[in-house]
Protein backbone atom coordinates (compact mmCIF):
# COMPACT_ATOMS: atom_id res chain seq x y z
CA MET A 1 7.41 -2.24 -56.69
CA TRP A 2 8.45 -3.55 -60.01
CA MET A 3 8.79 -7.23 -59.58
CA LEU A 4 11.47 -7.76 -61.98
CA GLY A 5 12.65 -10.87 -60.56
CA ILE A 6 16.39 -9.72 -61.20
CA GLY A 7 18.96 -11.39 -59.00
CA GLY A 8 17.25 -13.61 -56.94
CA ALA A 9 15.77 -10.81 -54.97
CA LEU A 10 12.04 -11.23 -55.97
CA ALA A 11 8.69 -10.94 -54.86
CA GLY A 12 8.40 -13.43 -52.03
CA ALA A 13 10.34 -14.23 -48.98
CA ALA A 14 12.81 -11.16 -48.11
CA PRO A 15 16.57 -11.88 -48.30
CA GLN A 16 18.00 -12.39 -44.52
CA GLY A 17 18.39 -8.58 -42.48
CA ALA A 18 16.48 -7.11 -45.42
CA GLU A 19 14.38 -5.51 -42.71
CA GLN A 20 17.29 -3.94 -41.29
CA VAL A 21 18.61 -2.48 -44.49
CA ILE A 22 15.64 -1.23 -45.31
CA GLY A 23 15.10 0.63 -42.22
CA ALA A 24 18.52 2.14 -42.49
CA LEU A 25 17.72 3.45 -46.21
CA SER A 26 14.51 4.76 -44.82
CA MET A 27 16.06 7.21 -42.46
CA ARG A 28 16.26 10.58 -43.26
CA HIS A 29 19.99 10.99 -43.50
CA ALA A 30 21.86 8.87 -45.32
CA VAL A 31 24.13 6.05 -43.38
CA PRO A 32 26.92 5.21 -45.24
CA CYS A 33 26.14 1.97 -47.47
CA ALA A 34 28.95 0.14 -45.81
CA GLU A 35 27.11 0.62 -42.44
CA VAL A 36 24.04 -0.47 -44.07
CA GLU A 37 25.62 -3.68 -46.06
CA ALA A 38 27.08 -4.37 -42.47
CA LEU A 39 23.08 -5.24 -41.22
CA THR A 40 22.85 -8.31 -43.71
CA PRO A 41 25.26 -11.06 -44.57
CA VAL A 42 23.71 -10.96 -47.92
CA PRO A 43 24.01 -7.23 -49.19
CA VAL A 44 23.46 -7.55 -52.93
CA PRO A 45 20.26 -9.50 -52.79
CA ALA A 46 18.99 -7.38 -49.69
CA LEU A 47 19.77 -3.76 -51.73
CA LEU A 48 18.48 -5.37 -54.87
CA TYR A 49 15.10 -6.41 -52.65
CA VAL A 50 15.04 -2.76 -51.80
CA VAL A 51 15.36 -1.28 -55.28
CA GLU A 52 12.76 -4.05 -56.29
CA GLN A 53 9.80 -4.08 -53.25
CA VAL A 54 10.58 -1.10 -51.65
CA ALA A 55 8.40 2.07 -52.54
CA ARG A 56 8.11 3.83 -49.27
CA PRO A 57 10.03 6.53 -48.57
CA PRO A 58 10.98 6.84 -52.26
CA TRP A 59 14.49 7.74 -51.33
CA ALA A 60 15.64 4.52 -50.30
CA PRO A 61 15.13 1.87 -53.18
CA MET A 62 17.48 5.10 -54.80
CA ARG A 63 19.93 4.53 -51.90
CA ALA A 64 20.31 1.09 -52.42
CA ALA A 65 20.79 1.33 -55.75
CA VAL A 66 23.55 3.93 -55.30
CA CYS A 67 25.13 1.25 -52.78
CA LEU A 68 24.71 -0.91 -55.68
CA LEU A 69 26.25 1.08 -58.01
CA GLU A 70 29.04 1.95 -55.89
CA GLY A 71 30.03 -1.81 -54.46
CA HIS A 72 28.76 -3.90 -56.34
CA ALA A 73 28.24 -3.29 -60.08
CA SER A 74 30.58 -6.03 -61.32
CA GLU A 75 27.84 -8.29 -59.52
CA ILE A 76 24.35 -6.77 -61.20
CA GLU A 77 25.90 -5.68 -64.38
CA ALA A 78 22.68 -7.47 -66.16
CA GLN A 79 20.21 -5.42 -64.03
CA LEU A 80 22.27 -2.01 -64.81
CA GLN A 81 21.94 -3.04 -67.92
CA LEU A 82 18.09 -3.57 -67.34
CA TRP A 83 17.67 0.28 -65.42
CA VAL A 84 19.46 2.08 -68.55
CA THR A 85 16.85 0.27 -71.32
CA SER A 86 13.38 -0.01 -69.58
CA PRO A 87 11.27 2.94 -69.81
CA GLU A 88 9.44 1.70 -66.74
CA LEU A 89 12.79 2.19 -64.60
CA LEU A 90 14.08 5.67 -65.62
CA GLY A 91 15.29 7.12 -62.29
CA LEU A 92 17.26 4.31 -61.97
CA GLY A 93 18.31 4.30 -65.89
CA ARG A 94 18.95 8.63 -64.98
CA LEU A 95 20.80 7.29 -61.61
CA VAL A 96 23.14 4.92 -63.46
CA LEU A 97 24.39 7.46 -66.03
CA GLY A 98 25.18 9.94 -63.52
CA ARG A 99 27.11 7.55 -61.57
CA LEU A 100 29.12 5.94 -64.15
CA PRO A 101 32.87 7.52 -63.02
CA VAL A 102 32.41 5.53 -60.35
CA LEU A 103 31.91 2.30 -62.51
CA PRO A 104 34.77 0.13 -63.81
CA VAL A 105 35.30 1.90 -67.33
CA PRO A 106 34.34 -1.29 -69.63
CA THR A 107 31.21 -1.34 -67.61
CA ALA A 108 30.85 2.75 -68.06
CA VAL A 109 31.03 2.41 -71.70
CA GLU A 110 28.96 -0.68 -72.29
CA LEU A 111 25.85 0.88 -70.06
CA ALA A 112 26.31 4.48 -72.11
CA ARG A 113 26.16 2.16 -75.44
CA ARG A 114 23.26 0.52 -74.59
CA ALA A 115 21.50 4.10 -72.81
CA LEU A 116 22.18 5.60 -76.04
CA SER A 117 21.09 2.75 -78.54
CA GLU A 118 18.83 0.95 -76.37
CA GLY A 119 17.46 3.32 -73.69
CA PRO A 120 14.05 4.92 -73.63
CA GLU A 121 16.12 8.75 -73.11
CA PRO A 122 18.96 8.73 -76.02
CA GLU A 123 18.46 11.88 -76.49
CA ARG A 124 18.61 12.77 -72.02
CA ALA A 125 21.65 9.92 -72.59
CA ARG A 126 23.41 11.97 -74.91
CA ALA A 127 23.39 15.06 -72.63
CA THR A 128 24.68 13.19 -69.58
CA LEU A 129 27.71 11.43 -71.45
CA ALA A 130 28.64 14.35 -73.15
CA ARG A 131 29.54 16.04 -69.44
CA SER A 132 30.83 12.52 -68.27
CA GLU A 133 34.21 12.58 -66.45
CA VAL A 134 34.92 9.38 -68.45
CA ILE A 135 36.76 10.09 -71.56
CA GLU A 136 35.64 6.61 -73.29
CA VAL A 137 32.19 7.26 -72.33
CA ARG A 138 32.43 11.02 -74.29
CA ALA A 139 34.00 9.11 -76.66
CA LEU A 140 30.96 6.98 -77.83
CA LEU A 141 29.33 10.45 -78.45
CA SER A 142 31.48 10.87 -81.74
CA GLU A 143 30.92 7.23 -83.00
CA PRO A 144 28.16 6.93 -86.14
């Protein structure tokens, strides 16, 4: 899919349990992240593999990204920064900005700052951040 080679989940051998994770994330109705992660001994690499390599069904990589955001943000901060700044990862960047309240505040602030200064859609980021529940994120909008 994106073939970025981040987080060790690159093209090539799938992490252990990746096929089961893909199956669970491909279901019509979302499976809770805890259940998905229980399918593999290496949830972060398996979920990153899905985000980076699985194109169909289109909701599978987005569900994997949600699981990563909600449970592993500190482990994948470099990837999150890439998601909010890379034009080819626009959908992931939008997902991150919409989920800032589930992230640790320092991480949310840093990602918001990067989206505003380096992201492909600064105006859209500004509008999304203005509605954020995170006060520190909204405060960025008043900075010069």
